[in-house]
Amino acid sequence: VTLPVRPTAGDVLVMIGADVHAPLANVTGGGVPAWMLVARSNDNANVEIWYGVTDGSSADVTLHGPLLDTRPIFANVSEWSGLITPNPFDAAHANSGLVSPADPLAITTNHAHDLVLLGVGDLTPNTYGTPAPGAWTALTPIQADISLGAWFRIVTAAGNVHPTVSETDGNWDAAVAALAIAP
């Protein structure tokens, strides 16, 4: 994945995506010295959430699948400023299922303000609804061999966050992660 411009040093890059049939070995690039895996479900279509603090030296992010894997890899990479660094991680969970809605299960945030990211990998053809509860903003979706839905929202109080989203294929993996916003 190549970002449209080099990221700003000190910002956090978040990758929501996966290898179609196996866990990713790792994520590299984007000026991130060490990417951190925070949530993964690899039962159906697969989805993972990774993050890292960039030094701003590169706009290229690479996902590495298992050795000799030739299956598709898909990703949405976004850049976020204003998060606590070097470790903004607050909470995460992942889950899988065969019936709608996609449900990563609940997380409990510990900070007054968190960036919450939701990712769902599903087979195609597939259509996603709107995540609930609360207002979510969509990141760029992917519709290819796999359908990737990704959304974010800002929560303004610590506590329980339990998003779900309808989907039409019924072979989903879902992950939710919260990253703390600097006070």
Protein backbone atom coordinates (compact mmCIF):
# COMPACT_ATOMS: atom_id res chain seq x y z
CA VAL A 1 0.00 0.00 0.00
CA THR A 2 1.39 3.40 -0.92
CA LEU A 3 0.00 6.40 0.96
CA PRO A 4 -0.63 9.47 -1.24
CA VAL A 5 2.07 11.41 0.66
CA ARG A 6 4.73 10.51 3.20
CA PRO A 7 3.21 10.43 6.70
CA THR A 8 4.08 13.01 9.33
CA ALA A 9 6.67 11.93 11.90
CA GLY A 10 5.01 11.08 15.21
CA ASP A 11 1.66 10.18 13.64
CA VAL A 12 0.18 6.70 14.00
CA LEU A 13 -0.45 4.48 10.99
CA VAL A 14 -3.22 1.89 11.28
CA MET A 15 -3.57 -1.07 8.93
CA ILE A 16 -6.89 -2.90 8.75
CA GLY A 17 -6.69 -5.86 6.38
CA ALA A 18 -5.44 -9.43 6.05
CA ASP A 19 -4.23 -12.30 3.93
CA VAL A 20 -7.26 -14.16 2.55
CA HIS A 21 -6.48 -17.58 4.02
CA ALA A 22 -3.79 -17.23 6.69
CA PRO A 23 -2.55 -14.87 9.39
CA LEU A 24 -0.17 -12.16 8.25
CA ALA A 25 3.44 -12.80 9.19
CA ASN A 26 4.02 -9.08 9.76
CA VAL A 27 3.58 -5.54 8.47
CA THR A 28 6.56 -3.36 7.56
CA GLY A 29 7.29 0.07 6.13
CA GLY A 30 5.55 3.40 6.41
CA GLY A 31 8.50 4.66 8.45
CA VAL A 32 7.30 2.49 11.37
CA PRO A 33 10.18 0.76 13.20
CA ALA A 34 7.93 -1.90 14.74
CA TRP A 35 4.29 -2.56 13.79
CA MET A 36 2.09 -3.93 16.59
CA LEU A 37 -0.68 -6.48 16.02
CA VAL A 38 -3.65 -5.66 18.31
CA ALA A 39 -6.52 -7.77 16.94
CA ARG A 40 -6.82 -10.73 14.59
CA SER A 41 -9.52 -13.17 13.48
CA ASN A 42 -8.56 -15.69 10.83
CA ASP A 43 -11.50 -18.10 10.70
CA ASN A 44 -13.39 -17.05 7.53
CA ALA A 45 -12.42 -14.11 5.31
CA ASN A 46 -9.90 -12.79 7.88
CA VAL A 47 -9.23 -9.36 9.35
CA GLU A 48 -6.38 -7.92 11.39
CA ILE A 49 -5.62 -4.52 12.95
CA TRP A 50 -2.00 -3.38 13.26
CA TYR A 51 -0.58 0.04 14.22
CA GLY A 52 2.74 1.80 14.52
CA VAL A 53 4.21 5.25 15.10
CA THR A 54 5.87 6.56 11.95
CA ASP A 55 9.11 8.49 11.65
CA GLY A 56 7.79 9.95 8.38
CA SER A 57 10.47 8.40 6.18
CA SER A 58 8.29 6.26 3.89
CA ALA A 59 4.82 6.19 2.34
CA ASP A 60 5.06 2.48 1.42
CA VAL A 61 3.49 -0.12 3.74
CA THR A 62 3.96 -3.82 3.01
CA LEU A 63 1.90 -6.73 4.32
CA HIS A 64 3.73 -10.04 4.52
CA GLY A 65 1.77 -13.27 4.26
CA PRO A 66 2.98 -16.77 5.04
CA LEU A 67 5.94 -18.09 3.05
CA LEU A 68 5.02 -19.04 -0.52
CA ASP A 69 1.47 -17.75 -0.10
CA THR A 70 0.06 -16.52 -3.41
CA ARG A 71 -3.44 -15.71 -2.19
CA PRO A 72 -4.72 -12.12 -2.20
CA ILE A 73 -3.78 -9.69 0.54
CA PHE A 74 -5.98 -6.65 1.17
CA ALA A 75 -5.49 -3.56 3.31
CA ASN A 76 -6.72 -0.14 4.32
CA VAL A 77 -3.93 2.03 5.79
CA SER A 78 -4.81 5.30 7.51
CA GLU A 79 -2.76 8.00 9.26
CA TRP A 80 -3.83 9.53 12.59
CA SER A 81 -2.46 12.52 14.49
CA GLY A 82 -3.10 13.49 18.09
CA LEU A 83 -2.82 10.02 19.60
CA ILE A 84 -0.78 9.18 22.68
CA THR A 85 2.64 8.00 21.51
CA PRO A 86 4.66 5.85 21.54
CA ASN A 87 1.92 3.47 22.73
CA PRO A 88 -1.67 4.58 22.07
CA PHE A 89 -3.13 1.06 22.46
CA ASP A 90 -6.10 0.89 24.84
CA ALA A 91 -8.24 -2.17 24.03
CA ALA A 92 -9.06 -4.61 21.21
CA HIS A 93 -11.01 -7.75 20.41
CA ALA A 94 -11.77 -9.93 17.40
CA ASN A 95 -14.38 -12.54 16.59
CA SER A 96 -15.82 -14.49 13.65
CA GLY A 97 -19.18 -15.82 12.59
CA LEU A 98 -21.44 -17.20 9.91
CA VAL A 99 -24.61 -15.13 10.43
CA SER A 100 -25.26 -11.39 10.40
CA PRO A 101 -24.46 -9.07 12.10
CA ALA A 102 -20.67 -9.06 12.20
CA ASP A 103 -19.77 -8.69 15.87
CA PRO A 104 -16.18 -8.31 17.13
CA LEU A 105 -17.54 -8.45 20.72
CA ALA A 106 -17.24 -5.65 23.26
CA ILE A 107 -14.15 -3.82 24.45
CA THR A 108 -13.80 -1.62 27.51
CA THR A 109 -11.92 1.62 26.92
CA ASN A 110 -9.87 3.13 29.73
CA HIS A 111 -9.39 6.67 28.41
CA ALA A 112 -11.77 9.61 28.25
CA HIS A 113 -11.13 9.98 24.51
CA ASP A 114 -10.36 7.09 22.17
CA LEU A 115 -10.21 6.54 18.45
CA VAL A 116 -12.16 3.32 17.88
CA LEU A 117 -11.60 1.40 14.65
CA LEU A 118 -13.81 -1.39 13.33
CA GLY A 119 -12.82 -3.74 10.52
CA VAL A 120 -14.78 -6.60 8.94
CA GLY A 121 -13.51 -9.01 6.33
CA ASP A 122 -16.13 -10.99 4.43
CA LEU A 123 -16.40 -13.05 1.28
CA THR A 124 -17.87 -11.52 -1.88
CA PRO A 125 -20.38 -10.57 -3.04
CA ASN A 126 -21.27 -8.77 0.16
CA THR A 127 -22.97 -5.58 1.30
CA TYR A 128 -22.38 -3.92 4.66
CA GLY A 129 -24.89 -1.90 6.61
CA THR A 130 -24.04 0.98 8.93
CA PRO A 131 -22.25 0.08 12.18
CA ALA A 132 -24.15 0.69 15.41
CA PRO A 133 -24.44 1.95 18.04
CA GLY A 134 -23.21 5.50 17.58
CA ALA A 135 -22.10 7.42 14.53
CA TRP A 136 -19.34 5.77 12.50
CA THR A 137 -17.36 7.16 9.55
CA ALA A 138 -16.39 4.80 6.75
CA LEU A 139 -12.83 4.39 5.60
CA THR A 140 -12.21 3.33 2.01
CA PRO A 141 -13.90 -0.06 1.45
CA ILE A 142 -12.41 -2.87 -0.62
CA GLN A 143 -14.53 -5.07 -2.90
CA ALA A 144 -12.36 -7.61 -4.71
CA ASP A 145 -11.71 -11.24 -3.83
CA ILE A 146 -12.62 -10.18 -0.30
CA SER A 147 -14.96 -7.50 0.98
CA LEU A 148 -13.32 -5.25 3.60
CA GLY A 149 -15.42 -2.78 5.54
CA ALA A 150 -13.59 -0.35 7.84
CA TRP A 151 -14.98 2.44 10.00
CA PHE A 152 -13.93 4.73 12.86
CA ARG A 153 -15.48 6.85 15.56
CA ILE A 154 -14.29 8.93 18.51
CA VAL A 155 -15.66 8.03 21.93
CA THR A 156 -15.64 10.71 24.60
CA ALA A 157 -15.95 8.62 27.74
CA ALA A 158 -14.26 5.51 29.04
CA GLY A 159 -16.47 2.43 29.06
CA ASN A 160 -18.03 -0.33 27.02
CA VAL A 161 -17.89 -0.16 23.20
CA HIS A 162 -19.72 -2.94 21.32
CA PRO A 163 -20.15 -2.23 17.61
CA THR A 164 -21.94 -4.53 15.18
CA VAL A 165 -22.64 -4.19 11.47
CA SER A 166 -24.96 -6.11 9.18
CA GLU A 167 -23.46 -8.01 6.27
CA THR A 168 -24.96 -10.20 3.58
CA ASP A 169 -22.44 -13.00 2.97
CA GLY A 170 -22.27 -14.68 6.38
CA ASN A 171 -18.56 -15.59 6.44
CA TRP A 172 -17.13 -12.72 8.43
CA ASP A 173 -14.21 -11.91 10.68
CA ALA A 174 -14.47 -8.70 12.70
CA ALA A 175 -12.03 -6.73 14.83
CA VAL A 176 -12.36 -3.62 16.96
CA ALA A 177 -9.51 -1.61 18.49
CA ALA A 178 -9.29 1.54 20.58
CA LEU A 179 -6.32 3.89 20.48
CA ALA A 180 -6.02 6.65 23.08
CA ILE A 181 -6.17 10.28 22.03
CA ALA A 182 -3.70 12.59 23.75
CA PRO A 183 -5.30 14.85 26.39
